Amino acid sequence: MTELLRPVAELTDLRVEVGGRPIVAGVNLRVYPGRVTALLGASGSGKTTTGLALLGEYPPGAVVSGRIGVPADGVGYLPQQPAAALNPARRVGALLADIARLRGGGPAEVRAALLRARLADPAEVLRRFPHQLSGGQQQRVVLAQALLAGARVIVADEPTTGQDPLTKRLVVEELAAVAAGGTGILLLSHDLDVVRALADDVVFMADGRTARSGPAAKLLGAPAPVPAPAPAPAPGSAPVAPVAPVARLAVGPLDAHHPDGVRALHGVGLTVGAGECLALIGPSGSGKTTLGRCVAGLHSSLRGPVTVDGRPLPPSLRSRSRAELASVQYVFQDARAAFDEHRPVAAQVARTAVRLHGLSRSRAADSARRLLAEVGLPAALTARRPAELSGGELQRAALARALAAAPRVLVCDEITSGLDGANTRSILGLLAELRERTGLTVLLITHDLAAAAVADRAAVLDAGRIVEEGPAANVLGKQRGRSVAADTGESTVLASIRRESA
């Protein structure tokens, strides 16, 4: 089919070097109108640099060669970290109104774009600033921006990162509909289920090069089967009573509000034991991140206790002592925004140990190198500034920086969302080792049910309330069942879209 189409965007022998080091060393790909081309590869393989080349954006000091052909009317972009595409000082309504006016549109077009991006209450979203939205809501606002701009090509960099299964399905459906309307999409993703659902063509990258390419149906296998639930106890066996963990972290009952007065949490209470991992799951906007920020002292409007080892923590981190700051560390979903762009990554990791534990600079630097190596980042890489690392590499560095504080409680907000499968397993394995060796308590905020399976217990948050809690195997088994039902519906919708566009 592609031989009958002219590519809407094309890269030929693209090379990008920074400081003499090749980041991209010979990439060839084509994006066709009405088709989705998926760009796959491990973290740091050059996917994002390749995608950004279509927008004419490169790392500082980059030397670029090769041919780049893009449409005159521009390329849309859905970044891996959606907050990077939103102005934090302006309300969503003002941002979208400006884009609509450039194309002669107005409020009706803004509302339609938000609805197409699956934001059910546009009027509420338009009043908010970007930081008042969940990561999933931010992603859908950025999608609305791309729809309003009307670009013929969209580069979607991990567009379902940080999304719950239902929202992920809706984003997949929307991108499929956008492609069916004639737009070419370059999809950068680690989520093979999303790639299988969307992609027509696949390009694999390794070490900055095009390794292989071809039709998605030919190069990708079938989705992995959903794991079966744990077998029931044998008849007549004595039930094992669960052992209540000693409460390392105790929260609530806790209420919280957004700055605009909207209530985010309604009497939420939970406990997590020493060495225990609690997975916090639920739809985008359900209050998961707000709860994590309350634990870390990052949310300004809350009422209710947060205690670590029985000692109450001040609600604001500005009122917490150095020991209290060290005791609870937060790993942000948007890792890039959490780093100072002007200082080397390793120095920023070491600074945590200096500031919170009073280590000398040399000892802190040694500790930083060890922690960064544990998360799979070599010293030569982390001697660079954040802009020279991929999103997945920065997420691992953010985890190392939090661990440099030697916390008793670690709040992890979608820390595997920008990682490929191998690095995800490595990071989750490291957390499991730390839990066993040091008694680290982990609050794991995630939409990834496979990642949540490492937890001891799981709690489901919906509309600011915990609606279900229990052993992870039981809770996640129910969630997987709902996802299977949703995926069946998704296949029907996507098949319908494909038929209509054929």
Protein backbone atom coordinates (compact mmCIF):
# COMPACT_ATOMS: atom_id res chain seq x y z
CA MET A 1 0.00 0.00 0.00
CA THR A 2 2.78 2.45 0.90
CA GLU A 3 4.19 2.29 -2.63
CA LEU A 4 0.99 4.05 -3.77
CA LEU A 5 1.43 6.91 -1.27
CA ARG A 6 3.85 9.80 -1.07
CA PRO A 7 5.36 10.16 2.41
CA VAL A 8 4.18 13.22 4.31
CA ALA A 9 7.46 13.27 6.27
CA GLU A 10 10.79 11.58 5.59
CA LEU A 11 14.21 11.18 7.20
CA THR A 12 17.14 9.96 5.12
CA ASP A 13 20.44 9.00 6.78
CA LEU A 14 19.80 11.33 9.72
CA ARG A 15 22.87 11.85 11.92
CA VAL A 16 22.93 13.92 15.13
CA GLU A 17 26.18 14.37 17.07
CA VAL A 18 26.77 16.26 20.33
CA GLY A 19 30.35 16.89 21.41
CA GLY A 20 31.59 14.40 18.84
CA ARG A 21 29.35 11.63 20.21
CA PRO A 22 26.71 10.26 17.79
CA ILE A 23 23.22 10.24 19.36
CA VAL A 24 21.59 9.31 16.07
CA ALA A 25 23.91 7.64 13.57
CA GLY A 26 21.99 6.89 10.38
CA VAL A 27 18.21 6.73 10.65
CA ASN A 28 15.88 6.25 7.68
CA LEU A 29 12.11 6.35 8.02
CA ARG A 30 8.99 7.54 6.25
CA VAL A 31 5.64 8.64 7.66
CA TYR A 32 2.69 8.25 5.33
CA PRO A 33 -0.64 10.12 5.36
CA GLY A 34 -3.33 8.18 7.18
CA ARG A 35 -0.85 5.67 8.62
CA VAL A 36 0.84 5.19 12.00
CA THR A 37 4.58 4.49 11.98
CA ALA A 38 5.89 3.23 15.34
CA LEU A 39 9.49 3.93 16.32
CA LEU A 40 10.68 1.35 18.86
CA GLY A 41 13.87 0.83 20.83
CA ALA A 42 15.36 0.79 24.33
CA SER A 43 15.67 3.94 26.43
CA GLY A 44 18.54 6.02 25.05
CA SER A 45 18.38 4.44 21.56
CA GLY A 46 17.67 7.82 19.95
CA LYS A 47 13.91 7.62 19.45
CA THR A 48 13.06 11.03 20.91
CA THR A 49 15.97 12.74 19.12
CA THR A 50 14.74 11.23 15.86
CA GLY A 51 11.15 12.31 16.49
CA LEU A 52 12.20 15.85 17.42
CA ALA A 53 14.18 16.09 14.18
CA LEU A 54 10.86 16.30 12.35
CA LEU A 55 10.17 19.47 14.35
CA GLY A 56 13.63 20.88 13.67
CA GLU A 57 14.62 20.60 17.35
CA TYR A 58 17.94 19.17 18.53
CA PRO A 59 20.06 19.04 21.72
CA PRO A 60 22.25 22.11 22.37
CA GLY A 61 25.43 22.08 20.27
CA ALA A 62 24.14 19.34 17.96
CA VAL A 63 25.73 18.80 14.53
CA VAL A 64 23.07 17.50 12.12
CA SER A 65 23.38 15.91 8.69
CA GLY A 66 21.10 13.97 6.36
CA ARG A 67 17.85 14.93 4.65
CA ILE A 68 14.71 15.92 6.55
CA GLY A 69 11.51 16.43 4.60
CA VAL A 70 8.40 17.74 6.41
CA PRO A 71 5.19 19.48 5.25
CA ALA A 72 5.14 23.25 4.97
CA ASP A 73 2.23 23.55 7.40
CA GLY A 74 4.23 22.05 10.24
CA VAL A 75 4.35 19.07 12.55
CA GLY A 76 2.38 18.57 15.78
CA TYR A 77 4.02 17.15 18.89
CA LEU A 78 2.74 15.18 21.86
CA PRO A 79 5.71 15.10 24.29
CA GLN A 80 6.51 12.33 26.74
CA GLN A 81 6.18 14.85 29.57
CA PRO A 82 3.03 16.85 28.72
CA ALA A 83 3.74 19.68 31.19
CA ALA A 84 6.66 20.70 28.95
CA ALA A 85 4.18 21.74 26.23
CA LEU A 86 1.97 23.81 28.54
CA ASN A 87 2.62 27.31 29.89
CA PRO A 88 2.41 26.98 33.71
CA ALA A 89 1.44 30.66 34.12
CA ARG A 90 -1.62 30.54 31.85
CA ARG A 91 -4.94 28.78 32.22
CA VAL A 92 -5.73 26.00 29.77
CA GLY A 93 -8.53 28.04 28.21
CA ALA A 94 -6.20 30.91 27.30
CA LEU A 95 -3.62 28.53 25.82
CA LEU A 96 -6.13 26.78 23.59
CA ALA A 97 -7.91 29.98 22.59
CA ASP A 98 -4.66 31.39 21.20
CA ILE A 99 -4.11 28.28 19.05
CA ALA A 100 -7.71 28.31 17.83
CA ARG A 101 -7.47 31.99 16.79
CA LEU A 102 -4.45 31.24 14.60
CA ARG A 103 -6.72 29.05 12.46
CA GLY A 104 -9.75 31.31 12.61
CA GLY A 105 -11.49 29.29 15.30
CA GLY A 106 -13.09 30.17 18.60
CA PRO A 107 -14.66 28.64 21.74
CA ALA A 108 -16.65 26.07 19.77
CA GLU A 109 -13.51 24.66 18.18
CA VAL A 110 -11.70 24.60 21.55
CA ARG A 111 -14.55 22.69 23.17
CA ALA A 112 -14.74 20.23 20.25
CA ALA A 113 -10.98 19.55 20.46
CA LEU A 114 -11.17 18.87 24.20
CA LEU A 115 -14.07 16.48 23.70
CA ARG A 116 -12.20 14.70 20.91
CA ALA A 117 -9.28 14.36 23.32
CA ARG A 118 -11.67 12.63 25.77
CA LEU A 119 -11.89 15.39 28.39
CA ALA A 120 -15.47 15.01 29.51
CA ASP A 121 -15.84 18.38 31.27
CA PRO A 122 -14.19 21.03 29.05
CA ALA A 123 -15.56 23.97 31.03
CA GLU A 124 -13.88 22.71 34.22
CA VAL A 125 -10.55 22.02 32.49
CA LEU A 126 -10.48 25.42 30.76
CA ARG A 127 -10.51 27.20 34.15
CA ARG A 128 -7.49 25.36 35.51
CA PHE A 129 -3.76 25.94 35.28
CA PRO A 130 -1.68 23.01 33.99
CA HIS A 131 -0.33 22.12 37.46
CA GLN A 132 -3.92 21.63 38.64
CA LEU A 133 -4.38 18.76 36.19
CA SER A 134 -3.26 15.17 36.55
CA GLY A 135 -0.60 13.83 34.20
CA GLY A 136 -3.27 12.08 32.13
CA GLN A 137 -5.36 15.25 31.88
CA GLN A 138 -2.28 17.24 30.82
CA GLN A 139 -1.60 14.71 28.08
CA ARG A 140 -5.13 15.04 26.73
CA VAL A 141 -4.89 18.86 26.75
CA VAL A 142 -1.70 18.60 24.68
CA LEU A 143 -3.52 16.28 22.29
CA ALA A 144 -6.25 18.92 21.99
CA GLN A 145 -3.55 21.48 21.10
CA ALA A 146 -2.32 19.26 18.26
CA LEU A 147 -5.86 18.74 16.99
CA LEU A 148 -6.51 22.49 17.00
CA ALA A 149 -3.27 23.21 15.13
CA GLY A 150 -4.32 20.91 12.29
CA ALA A 151 -0.82 19.62 11.48
CA ARG A 152 -0.51 16.96 8.75
CA VAL A 153 2.00 15.00 10.85
CA ILE A 154 1.92 14.34 14.60
CA VAL A 155 4.92 13.05 16.54
CA ALA A 156 3.46 11.21 19.53
CA ASP A 157 6.20 10.54 22.12
CA GLU A 158 4.81 7.99 24.60
CA PRO A 159 1.28 9.48 24.34
CA THR A 160 -0.23 6.93 26.72
CA THR A 161 2.44 7.33 29.42
CA GLY A 162 0.83 7.79 32.84
CA GLN A 163 -2.66 6.82 31.61
CA ASP A 164 -5.03 4.38 33.25
CA PRO A 165 -6.27 1.50 31.03
CA LEU A 166 -9.56 3.18 30.15
CA THR A 167 -7.97 6.53 29.25
CA LYS A 168 -5.21 4.71 27.35
CA ARG A 169 -7.86 2.95 25.28
CA LEU A 170 -9.57 6.26 24.53
CA VAL A 171 -6.28 7.90 23.48
CA VAL A 172 -5.57 4.94 21.20
CA GLU A 173 -9.02 5.31 19.64
CA GLU A 174 -8.52 9.06 19.15
CA LEU A 175 -5.11 8.65 17.51
CA ALA A 176 -6.56 5.95 15.26
CA ALA A 177 -9.36 8.34 14.27
CA VAL A 178 -6.83 11.14 13.61
CA ALA A 179 -4.85 8.81 11.34
CA ALA A 180 -8.05 7.69 9.60
CA GLY A 181 -8.68 11.34 8.78
CA GLY A 182 -5.46 11.45 6.74
CA THR A 183 -2.91 12.61 9.31
CA GLY A 184 0.42 10.80 9.46
CA ILE A 185 1.51 9.78 12.96
CA LEU A 186 5.00 8.89 14.19
CA LEU A 187 4.45 6.94 17.41
CA LEU A 188 7.32 6.60 19.89
CA SER A 189 6.37 4.04 22.51
CA HIS A 190 7.53 1.28 24.84
CA ASP A 191 3.99 -0.06 25.15
CA LEU A 192 3.78 -2.92 22.66
CA ASP A 193 0.05 -3.37 23.24
CA VAL A 194 -0.51 0.26 22.15
CA VAL A 195 1.80 -0.25 19.17
CA ARG A 196 -0.04 -3.41 18.12
CA ALA A 197 -3.37 -1.59 18.36
CA LEU A 198 -2.26 1.45 16.36
CA ALA A 199 0.77 0.90 14.16
CA ASP A 200 0.71 0.10 10.45
CA ASP A 201 4.50 0.17 10.13
CA VAL A 202 7.32 -0.38 12.64
CA VAL A 203 10.91 0.89 12.71
CA PHE A 204 13.28 -0.57 15.33
CA MET A 205 16.21 1.53 16.59
CA ALA A 206 19.36 0.40 18.40
CA ASP A 207 22.41 2.52 19.30
CA GLY A 208 21.08 5.44 17.28
CA ARG A 209 20.60 3.44 14.07
CA THR A 210 17.73 1.93 12.15
CA ALA A 211 17.99 -1.79 12.91
CA ARG A 212 15.01 -3.13 10.96
CA SER A 213 11.63 -2.02 9.68
CA GLY A 214 8.49 -3.40 8.10
CA PRO A 215 4.75 -3.94 8.54
CA ALA A 216 3.65 -4.06 12.18
CA ALA A 217 1.61 -7.22 11.62
CA LYS A 218 4.71 -9.02 10.37
CA LEU A 219 7.27 -7.80 12.93
CA LEU A 220 5.20 -7.84 16.12
CA GLY A 221 3.79 -10.95 17.71
CA ALA A 222 0.47 -11.36 19.45
CA PRO A 223 -0.13 -9.58 22.77
CA ALA A 224 0.96 -11.45 25.88
CA PRO A 225 -1.88 -13.31 27.57
CA VAL A 226 -3.37 -11.82 30.70
CA PRO A 227 -1.95 -13.72 33.71
CA ALA A 228 -4.42 -16.08 35.33
CA PRO A 229 -5.60 -15.24 38.84
CA ALA A 230 -3.94 -17.02 41.72
CA PRO A 231 -5.48 -20.44 42.39
CA ALA A 232 -7.95 -20.75 45.21
CA PRO A 233 -6.87 -22.66 48.37
CA ALA A 234 -7.41 -26.39 48.21
CA PRO A 235 -10.66 -27.62 49.79
CA GLY A 236 -10.26 -28.21 53.49
CA SER A 237 -7.05 -26.21 53.83
CA ALA A 238 -6.91 -23.77 56.68
CA PRO A 239 -7.05 -20.13 55.60
CA VAL A 240 -3.97 -18.07 56.40
CA ALA A 241 -4.84 -14.94 58.30
CA PRO A 242 -3.15 -11.84 56.88
CA VAL A 243 -0.54 -10.28 59.12
CA ALA A 244 -1.07 -6.56 59.67
CA PRO A 245 2.18 -4.73 58.96
CA VAL A 246 3.73 -2.35 61.42
CA ALA A 247 2.72 1.10 60.18
CA ARG A 248 5.78 2.84 58.76
CA LEU A 249 3.51 5.31 56.94
CA ALA A 250 0.04 6.26 58.19
CA VAL A 251 -2.17 8.77 56.39
CA GLY A 252 -5.51 10.30 57.30
CA PRO A 253 -8.32 10.51 57.30
CA LEU A 254 -7.10 13.16 54.86
CA ASP A 255 -8.97 15.84 52.91
CA ALA A 256 -7.33 17.95 50.20
CA HIS A 257 -8.42 20.70 47.83
CA HIS A 258 -7.01 22.16 44.63
CA PRO A 259 -6.20 25.91 44.68
CA ASP A 260 -9.45 26.61 42.82
CA GLY A 261 -11.39 25.05 45.70
CA VAL A 262 -12.26 21.77 43.99
CA ARG A 263 -12.03 18.92 46.49
CA ALA A 264 -9.39 16.39 45.49
CA LEU A 265 -9.42 13.90 48.41
CA HIS A 266 -12.34 12.89 50.61
CA GLY A 267 -11.31 11.36 53.95
CA VAL A 268 -8.62 9.12 52.47
CA GLY A 269 -6.83 6.87 54.95
CA LEU A 270 -4.14 4.24 54.47
CA THR A 271 -1.23 2.55 56.22
CA VAL A 272 1.90 0.99 54.72
CA GLY A 273 4.32 -1.16 56.70
CA ALA A 274 8.11 -1.08 56.85
CA GLY A 275 9.48 -2.85 53.76
CA GLU A 276 6.00 -2.99 52.22
CA CYS A 277 4.91 -1.71 48.81
CA LEU A 278 1.40 -0.33 48.30
CA ALA A 279 0.34 0.23 44.69
CA LEU A 280 -2.03 3.15 44.24
CA ILE A 281 -4.06 2.77 41.05
CA GLY A 282 -7.11 4.40 39.51
CA PRO A 283 -8.18 6.60 36.61
CA SER A 284 -6.42 9.82 35.66
CA GLY A 285 -7.64 12.66 37.87
CA SER A 286 -8.74 10.32 40.68
CA GLY A 287 -6.38 11.94 43.22
CA LYS A 288 -3.43 9.51 43.20
CA THR A 289 -0.76 12.13 42.62
CA THR A 290 -2.44 14.56 45.03
CA LEU A 291 -2.30 11.89 47.75
CA GLY A 292 1.39 11.23 47.05
CA ARG A 293 2.15 14.96 47.15
CA CYS A 294 0.35 15.27 50.49
CA VAL A 295 2.58 12.54 51.92
CA ALA A 296 5.68 14.36 50.64
CA GLY A 297 4.57 17.79 51.90
CA LEU A 298 4.11 19.16 48.38
CA HIS A 299 0.39 19.94 48.50
CA SER A 300 -0.59 23.21 50.12
CA SER A 301 -4.26 22.67 51.01
CA LEU A 302 -4.92 19.60 53.15
CA ARG A 303 -6.40 18.61 56.47
CA GLY A 304 -5.46 15.42 58.28
CA PRO A 305 -2.38 13.63 59.69
CA VAL A 306 0.60 12.09 57.91
CA THR A 307 2.92 10.11 60.19
CA VAL A 308 6.16 8.19 59.64
CA ASP A 309 7.06 5.63 62.31
CA GLY A 310 4.37 7.15 64.50
CA ARG A 311 5.75 10.70 64.32
CA PRO A 312 3.52 13.34 62.68
CA LEU A 313 5.04 15.28 59.79
CA PRO A 314 4.32 18.98 59.19
CA PRO A 315 1.95 19.29 56.20
CA SER A 316 4.37 21.50 54.24
CA LEU A 317 7.92 20.46 53.36
CA ARG A 318 9.02 24.03 54.13
CA SER A 319 8.24 23.30 57.79
CA ARG A 320 9.99 19.90 57.84
CA SER A 321 13.43 19.38 59.33
CA ARG A 322 16.29 17.92 57.29
CA ALA A 323 15.65 14.51 58.86
CA GLU A 324 11.93 14.75 58.03
CA LEU A 325 12.71 15.81 54.46
CA ALA A 326 15.05 12.85 54.07
CA SER A 327 12.52 10.42 55.53
CA VAL A 328 10.01 10.90 52.67
CA GLN A 329 11.26 11.30 49.11
CA TYR A 330 9.19 11.79 45.96
CA VAL A 331 10.11 10.64 42.43
CA PHE A 332 8.17 12.76 39.96
CA GLN A 333 6.45 11.54 36.83
CA ASP A 334 7.92 14.47 34.87
CA ALA A 335 11.59 13.75 35.58
CA ARG A 336 12.95 16.35 33.15
CA ALA A 337 11.16 19.20 34.90
CA ALA A 338 12.60 18.02 38.25
CA PHE A 339 16.22 18.65 37.21
CA ASP A 340 18.17 21.89 36.90
CA GLU A 341 18.99 22.06 33.19
CA HIS A 342 22.29 23.88 33.80
CA ARG A 343 24.03 21.40 36.13
CA PRO A 344 25.37 17.88 35.47
CA VAL A 345 23.00 15.12 36.53
CA ALA A 346 25.52 13.37 38.80
CA ALA A 347 26.19 16.62 40.67
CA GLN A 348 22.48 17.04 41.34
CA VAL A 349 22.21 13.49 42.70
CA ALA A 350 25.22 14.08 44.96
CA ARG A 351 23.76 17.39 46.18
CA THR A 352 20.92 15.51 47.88
CA ALA A 353 23.32 13.63 50.16
CA VAL A 354 25.23 16.84 50.95
CA ARG A 355 22.10 18.83 51.77
CA LEU A 356 20.12 16.22 53.73
CA HIS A 357 22.86 14.14 55.36
CA GLY A 358 25.82 16.51 55.55
CA LEU A 359 28.16 14.29 53.55
CA SER A 360 31.36 15.78 52.19
CA ARG A 361 31.36 16.49 48.47
CA SER A 362 33.76 13.63 47.71
CA ARG A 363 31.72 11.08 49.71
CA ALA A 364 28.48 12.35 48.18
CA ALA A 365 29.98 12.07 44.68
CA ASP A 366 31.04 8.46 45.38
CA SER A 367 27.57 7.65 46.68
CA ALA A 368 25.95 9.28 43.63
CA ARG A 369 28.10 7.23 41.22
CA ARG A 370 27.17 4.02 43.02
CA LEU A 371 23.44 4.80 43.02
CA LEU A 372 23.44 5.88 39.39
CA ALA A 373 25.24 2.67 38.44
CA GLU A 374 22.61 0.66 40.33
CA VAL A 375 19.87 2.19 38.17
CA GLY A 376 21.89 1.46 35.01
CA LEU A 377 23.47 4.87 34.30
CA PRO A 378 27.26 5.02 33.70
CA ALA A 379 29.37 7.88 35.05
CA ALA A 380 30.22 9.18 31.56
CA LEU A 381 26.53 9.66 30.82
CA THR A 382 25.55 11.34 34.11
CA ALA A 383 28.44 13.80 33.87
CA ARG A 384 26.30 15.49 31.21
CA ARG A 385 23.47 17.96 31.63
CA PRO A 386 19.83 16.75 31.66
CA ALA A 387 19.14 17.81 28.05
CA GLU A 388 21.67 15.19 26.87
CA LEU A 389 19.82 12.30 28.54
CA SER A 390 16.68 10.60 27.30
CA GLY A 391 13.43 10.74 29.26
CA GLY A 392 13.91 7.17 30.48
CA GLU A 393 17.48 7.88 31.58
CA LEU A 394 16.33 10.93 33.53
CA GLN A 395 13.64 8.90 35.26
CA ARG A 396 16.31 6.49 36.49
CA ALA A 397 18.48 9.41 37.60
CA ALA A 398 15.52 10.87 39.50
CA LEU A 399 15.15 7.58 41.37
CA ALA A 400 18.86 7.58 42.23
CA ARG A 401 18.59 11.14 43.54
CA ALA A 402 15.71 10.19 45.82
CA LEU A 403 17.61 7.15 47.10
CA ALA A 404 20.59 9.40 47.90
CA ALA A 405 18.51 10.76 50.78
CA ALA A 406 18.28 7.24 52.31
CA PRO A 407 14.50 7.66 52.76
CA ARG A 408 12.24 5.52 54.90
CA VAL A 409 9.28 6.19 52.58
CA LEU A 410 9.60 6.52 48.80
CA VAL A 411 6.69 7.89 46.76
CA CYS A 412 7.07 6.75 43.14
CA ASP A 413 4.80 8.54 40.67
CA GLU A 414 4.74 6.59 37.38
CA ILE A 415 8.50 5.95 37.58
CA THR A 416 8.45 3.22 34.92
CA SER A 417 6.31 5.13 32.41
CA GLY A 418 9.26 6.20 30.22
CA LEU A 419 11.20 2.92 30.44
CA ASP A 420 11.42 -0.07 28.13
CA GLY A 421 10.67 -3.54 29.48
CA ALA A 422 14.23 -4.43 30.46
CA ASN A 423 14.80 -1.21 32.39
CA THR A 424 11.38 -1.44 34.02
CA ARG A 425 12.21 -4.91 35.35
CA SER A 426 15.62 -3.66 36.53
CA ILE A 427 14.17 -0.70 38.45
CA LEU A 428 11.38 -2.72 40.04
CA GLY A 429 13.92 -5.37 40.99
CA LEU A 430 16.12 -2.73 42.63
CA LEU A 431 13.17 -1.43 44.65
CA ALA A 432 12.35 -4.98 45.77
CA GLU A 433 15.95 -5.49 46.87
CA LEU A 434 15.97 -2.20 48.81
CA ARG A 435 12.69 -3.07 50.50
CA GLU A 436 14.10 -6.39 51.68
CA ARG A 437 17.56 -5.09 52.60
CA THR A 438 16.74 -1.71 54.17
CA GLY A 439 13.03 -1.87 55.03
CA LEU A 440 12.23 0.88 52.51
CA THR A 441 8.50 1.57 52.28
CA VAL A 442 7.20 2.29 48.77
CA LEU A 443 4.00 4.04 47.71
CA LEU A 444 3.83 3.13 44.00
CA ILE A 445 1.51 5.34 41.95
CA THR A 446 0.97 3.67 38.61
CA HIS A 447 -1.41 2.83 35.78
CA ASP A 448 0.74 -0.12 34.73
CA LEU A 449 -0.88 -3.21 36.21
CA ALA A 450 2.22 -5.30 35.45
CA ALA A 451 4.36 -2.88 37.48
CA ALA A 452 1.75 -2.80 40.25
CA ALA A 453 2.02 -6.59 40.52
CA VAL A 454 5.30 -6.19 42.45
CA ALA A 455 3.35 -4.60 45.31
CA ASP A 456 2.20 -6.41 48.43
CA ARG A 457 -1.13 -4.57 48.50
CA ALA A 458 -3.06 -2.34 46.13
CA ALA A 459 -5.59 0.44 46.66
CA VAL A 460 -7.92 1.79 43.98
CA LEU A 461 -8.64 5.52 44.11
CA ASP A 462 -11.64 6.99 42.30
CA ALA A 463 -12.98 10.55 42.53
CA GLY A 464 -10.79 11.24 45.56
CA ARG A 465 -11.85 8.18 47.56
CA ILE A 466 -10.33 4.75 48.12
CA VAL A 467 -12.96 2.43 46.71
CA GLU A 468 -11.09 -0.87 47.00
CA GLU A 469 -8.05 -2.11 48.91
CA GLY A 470 -6.50 -5.49 49.58
CA PRO A 471 -3.79 -7.97 48.53
CA ALA A 472 -2.34 -6.89 45.20
CA ALA A 473 -3.11 -10.20 43.47
CA ASN A 474 -6.80 -9.92 44.34
CA VAL A 475 -7.25 -6.24 43.48
CA LEU A 476 -5.23 -6.38 40.27
CA GLY A 477 -7.01 -9.53 39.15
CA LYS A 478 -10.28 -7.59 39.17
CA GLN A 479 -8.68 -4.64 37.35
CA ARG A 480 -7.25 -6.94 34.66
CA GLY A 481 -10.66 -8.43 34.13
CA ARG A 482 -12.12 -4.98 33.53
CA SER A 483 -9.24 -4.14 31.18
CA VAL A 484 -9.85 -7.29 29.13
CA ALA A 485 -13.47 -6.27 28.72
CA ALA A 486 -12.38 -2.77 27.71
CA ASP A 487 -9.82 -4.12 25.23
CA THR A 488 -12.52 -6.17 23.52
CA GLY A 489 -14.50 -3.00 22.98
CA GLU A 490 -11.39 -1.20 21.77
CA SER A 491 -10.71 -3.80 19.11
CA THR A 492 -14.24 -3.36 17.78
CA VAL A 493 -13.89 0.43 17.63
CA LEU A 494 -10.48 0.33 15.97
CA ALA A 495 -11.66 -2.23 13.45
CA SER A 496 -14.60 0.02 12.61
CA ILE A 497 -12.30 3.04 12.17
CA ARG A 498 -9.96 1.06 9.93
CA ARG A 499 -12.86 -0.23 7.82
CA GLU A 500 -14.31 3.24 7.34
CA SER A 501 -10.91 4.63 6.24
CA ALA A 502 -10.08 1.79 3.86
